Amino acid sequence: MAQQTVGNIVAEKTAIIPAVLSAQQVSSFNRYTEELLKWNSKVNLTAITKPREIAIKHFVDSLALIPYLSAGDRLLDIGSGAGLPVIPLKIMVPDVAMVSVDAVAKKIQFQRHVIRTLSLTGIEAVHSRIEELHRSHPQQFSVITSRAFTRLDRFVELAAPLLAEGGVLIAMKGDHGEHEITENDGALKASGFVVSSVIRYELPDAMGSRNLTFLKRREAA
């Protein structure tokens, strides 16, 4: 079956990390794809359904965060939808504690199903509006990310109450992410955050440009 090749495609296309996948990790990506396509016929999880595009645009892109994670981190993925980037990251870096949050119940049900199916541990899928999560998880996360979820200024506004002291926000953006930084410069400064760096990368097989926008709290003068 075509989707059974997805894990091997991921293994071949991880030059932006780089990483070496075990046989178990390849199998996990294959199974994840099978469940994604199965559920997608009933739940709107993704418009990307071709195996090679799933492997690169979803999975390889998600794994671009790996170099910026450490074993002691606690990661939050805001608006994670079908579990991207959090589930691919958990497959590859199981020692990092992770939480995903989404306001759509069926998407969280899918994530929990995949977590059980792949026997992933140290990961929690939370059904909640992100505006309410600070009540149960205040300042608990050293890394908070979102993948094409919302405007940069809105991401900072939502994530700030959940970010631990010294933590970092990483917005996963598309080809025009740099323009969004310029457009939101004033709002970011008003929120007390600054862009510390922007890492640009190309997806394999000419499937697009992406960037990671890193934001930290501005140090007091």
Protein backbone atom coordinates (compact mmCIF):
# COMPACT_ATOMS: atom_id res chain seq x y z
CA MET A 1 0.00 0.00 0.00
CA ALA A 2 1.24 3.51 -0.82
CA GLN A 3 1.00 4.83 2.72
CA GLN A 4 3.34 2.12 3.98
CA THR A 5 6.22 3.97 2.31
CA VAL A 6 5.71 7.15 4.34
CA GLY A 7 8.03 6.13 7.16
CA ASN A 8 10.81 5.36 4.69
CA ILE A 9 10.28 8.71 2.96
CA VAL A 10 10.63 10.47 6.32
CA ALA A 11 13.79 8.49 7.01
CA GLU A 12 15.25 9.54 3.65
CA LYS A 13 14.27 13.21 3.85
CA THR A 14 15.43 14.35 7.28
CA ALA A 15 18.46 16.33 6.12
CA ILE A 16 17.07 19.50 7.74
CA ILE A 17 17.43 17.88 11.18
CA PRO A 18 19.47 15.59 10.61
CA ALA A 19 18.23 12.38 12.24
CA VAL A 20 18.40 8.63 11.86
CA LEU A 21 15.12 6.73 12.24
CA SER A 22 14.91 3.32 13.84
CA ALA A 23 12.74 0.59 12.34
CA GLN A 24 10.21 1.23 15.11
CA GLN A 25 10.05 4.94 14.28
CA VAL A 26 9.57 4.19 10.58
CA SER A 27 6.75 1.81 11.54
CA SER A 28 5.19 4.48 13.78
CA PHE A 29 5.08 7.02 10.96
CA ASN A 30 3.49 4.43 8.68
CA ARG A 31 0.81 3.60 11.25
CA TYR A 32 0.22 7.28 12.00
CA THR A 33 -0.39 7.87 8.29
CA GLU A 34 -2.81 4.96 8.05
CA GLU A 35 -4.86 6.29 10.95
CA LEU A 36 -4.70 9.86 9.63
CA LEU A 37 -6.12 8.86 6.27
CA LYS A 38 -8.72 6.57 7.83
CA TRP A 39 -10.01 9.25 10.20
CA ASN A 40 -9.74 11.98 7.59
CA SER A 41 -12.64 10.48 5.65
CA LYS A 42 -14.89 11.34 8.60
CA VAL A 43 -13.07 14.14 10.44
CA ASN A 44 -11.52 17.13 8.67
CA LEU A 45 -7.89 16.64 9.75
CA THR A 46 -5.86 17.53 6.66
CA ALA A 47 -6.19 18.55 3.03
CA ILE A 48 -2.88 16.81 2.31
CA THR A 49 -3.55 13.15 1.49
CA LYS A 50 -0.77 12.05 -0.87
CA PRO A 51 1.75 9.90 1.03
CA ARG A 52 4.87 11.76 -0.12
CA GLU A 53 3.30 15.12 0.77
CA ILE A 54 2.22 13.82 4.16
CA ALA A 55 5.76 12.60 4.79
CA ILE A 56 7.41 15.88 3.84
CA LYS A 57 4.87 18.69 4.38
CA HIS A 58 3.58 17.28 7.67
CA PHE A 59 6.15 14.96 9.24
CA VAL A 60 9.54 16.23 8.05
CA ASP A 61 8.39 19.81 8.57
CA SER A 62 7.32 18.98 12.14
CA LEU A 63 10.73 17.47 12.86
CA ALA A 64 12.50 20.74 12.07
CA LEU A 65 12.05 21.57 15.78
CA ILE A 66 14.21 18.68 17.00
CA PRO A 67 17.54 20.58 17.19
CA TYR A 68 15.94 23.12 19.53
CA LEU A 69 14.59 20.63 22.09
CA SER A 70 16.38 19.14 25.10
CA ALA A 71 15.49 16.19 27.32
CA GLY A 72 14.52 18.47 30.21
CA ASP A 73 12.08 20.55 28.16
CA ARG A 74 8.32 20.57 28.51
CA LEU A 75 6.71 21.34 25.15
CA LEU A 76 3.24 22.73 24.43
CA ASP A 77 1.75 22.55 20.93
CA ILE A 78 -1.08 25.07 20.49
CA GLY A 79 -3.83 24.31 17.97
CA SER A 80 -2.26 20.97 17.12
CA GLY A 81 -5.13 19.68 14.96
CA ALA A 82 -4.09 16.24 13.72
CA GLY A 83 -1.19 16.21 16.18
CA LEU A 84 1.30 18.25 14.20
CA PRO A 85 4.04 18.84 15.15
CA VAL A 86 3.64 17.20 18.56
CA ILE A 87 3.14 13.53 17.59
CA PRO A 88 6.00 13.36 15.04
CA LEU A 89 8.21 15.03 17.64
CA LYS A 90 7.19 12.55 20.34
CA ILE A 91 7.98 9.65 17.99
CA MET A 92 11.49 11.03 17.51
CA VAL A 93 12.32 12.55 20.92
CA PRO A 94 10.40 10.46 23.48
CA ASP A 95 12.30 11.93 26.45
CA VAL A 96 10.73 15.38 26.01
CA ALA A 97 7.45 15.85 27.92
CA MET A 98 4.73 17.14 25.60
CA VAL A 99 1.19 18.52 25.75
CA SER A 100 -1.05 19.35 22.81
CA VAL A 101 -4.17 21.47 22.98
CA ASP A 102 -6.99 21.96 20.51
CA ALA A 103 -10.53 23.31 20.87
CA VAL A 104 -12.01 20.73 18.46
CA ALA A 105 -12.97 17.58 20.37
CA LYS A 106 -12.76 15.19 17.40
CA LYS A 107 -9.20 16.27 16.66
CA ILE A 108 -8.18 15.58 20.25
CA GLN A 109 -9.98 12.23 20.08
CA PHE A 110 -7.90 11.40 17.01
CA GLN A 111 -4.68 12.41 18.76
CA ARG A 112 -5.51 10.28 21.79
CA HIS A 113 -6.26 7.35 19.51
CA VAL A 114 -2.88 7.69 17.80
CA ILE A 115 -1.09 8.08 21.14
CA ARG A 116 -2.66 4.81 22.33
CA THR A 117 -2.07 3.05 19.02
CA LEU A 118 1.63 3.97 18.96
CA SER A 119 2.05 3.37 22.73
CA LEU A 120 3.47 6.86 23.18
CA THR A 121 4.16 8.01 26.75
CA GLY A 122 4.84 11.38 28.30
CA ILE A 123 2.34 13.11 26.03
CA GLU A 124 -1.09 14.53 26.86
CA ALA A 125 -3.76 15.70 24.40
CA VAL A 126 -6.01 18.32 26.00
CA HIS A 127 -9.42 19.39 24.72
CA SER A 128 -9.60 23.05 25.66
CA ARG A 129 -9.60 26.58 24.39
CA ILE A 130 -6.06 27.84 24.75
CA GLU A 131 -7.36 30.93 26.57
CA GLU A 132 -8.48 28.63 29.41
CA LEU A 133 -5.39 26.43 29.67
CA HIS A 134 -3.48 28.85 31.91
CA ARG A 135 -5.84 27.88 34.76
CA SER A 136 -4.48 24.33 34.82
CA HIS A 137 -1.02 24.81 33.28
CA PRO A 138 0.25 28.28 34.31
CA GLN A 139 3.88 28.98 33.31
CA GLN A 140 4.57 25.25 32.90
CA PHE A 141 6.25 25.08 29.49
CA SER A 142 9.83 25.79 28.50
CA VAL A 143 8.97 25.59 24.79
CA ILE A 144 5.66 26.57 23.21
CA THR A 145 5.03 26.14 19.50
CA SER A 146 2.25 26.48 16.97
CA ARG A 147 2.23 25.46 13.33
CA ALA A 148 0.42 27.90 11.02
CA PHE A 149 -2.15 28.40 13.79
CA THR A 150 -2.67 32.14 14.09
CA ARG A 151 -1.06 35.55 13.69
CA LEU A 152 2.27 36.02 15.40
CA ASP A 153 1.00 38.67 17.82
CA ARG A 154 -2.00 36.51 18.74
CA PHE A 155 0.24 33.49 19.29
CA VAL A 156 2.35 35.49 21.74
CA GLU A 157 -0.74 36.77 23.53
CA LEU A 158 -2.14 33.24 23.97
CA ALA A 159 1.15 31.57 24.87
CA ALA A 160 2.66 34.13 27.26
CA PRO A 161 0.70 33.04 30.40
CA LEU A 162 1.81 29.44 29.84
CA LEU A 163 5.51 30.08 29.27
CA ALA A 164 7.95 29.27 32.06
CA GLU A 165 10.62 31.76 33.08
CA GLY A 166 13.43 31.66 30.54
CA GLY A 167 11.28 29.77 28.05
CA VAL A 168 10.97 30.29 24.31
CA LEU A 169 8.11 30.57 21.84
CA ILE A 170 8.67 29.02 18.40
CA ALA A 171 6.19 29.92 15.67
CA MET A 172 6.30 27.56 12.68
CA LYS A 173 5.53 29.71 9.67
CA GLY A 174 5.39 29.46 5.90
CA ASP A 175 7.24 31.32 3.19
CA HIS A 176 6.04 34.78 4.22
CA GLY A 177 6.75 34.52 7.93
CA GLU A 178 9.29 37.35 7.88
CA HIS A 179 6.66 39.81 6.64
CA GLU A 180 4.49 38.94 9.62
CA ILE A 181 7.31 39.92 11.97
CA THR A 182 7.48 43.38 10.40
CA GLU A 183 3.71 43.79 10.44
CA ASN A 184 3.48 42.85 14.13
CA ASP A 185 6.60 44.58 15.42
CA GLY A 186 4.71 47.11 17.52
CA ALA A 187 2.33 44.55 19.01
CA LEU A 188 5.22 42.23 19.91
CA LYS A 189 7.10 45.01 21.68
CA ALA A 190 3.95 45.98 23.57
CA SER A 191 3.55 42.39 24.74
CA GLY A 192 7.08 42.35 26.17
CA PHE A 193 8.49 39.87 23.65
CA VAL A 194 11.19 40.21 21.02
CA VAL A 195 12.15 38.07 18.03
CA SER A 196 15.44 36.48 19.02
CA SER A 197 16.09 34.68 15.73
CA VAL A 198 14.51 33.37 12.55
CA ILE A 199 15.62 30.05 11.06
CA ARG A 200 14.68 29.56 7.42
CA TYR A 201 14.73 26.15 5.75
CA GLU A 202 13.61 24.43 2.56
CA LEU A 203 11.48 21.31 2.57
CA PRO A 204 12.80 18.41 0.45
CA ASP A 205 11.61 17.82 -3.11
CA ALA A 206 10.92 21.54 -3.59
CA MET A 207 7.82 21.37 -1.40
CA GLY A 208 8.19 24.87 -0.04
CA SER A 209 10.07 27.28 2.19
CA ARG A 210 9.44 27.48 5.92
CA ASN A 211 10.78 29.36 8.91
CA LEU A 212 10.93 29.05 12.65
CA THR A 213 10.44 32.36 14.46
CA PHE A 214 11.91 32.33 17.99
CA LEU A 215 10.52 34.79 20.53
CA LYS A 216 11.62 35.49 24.09
CA ARG A 217 10.57 37.89 26.80
CA ARG A 218 12.38 41.18 26.58
CA GLU A 219 14.89 41.65 29.38
CA ALA A 220 14.24 44.50 31.74
CA ALA A 221 16.41 47.56 31.16
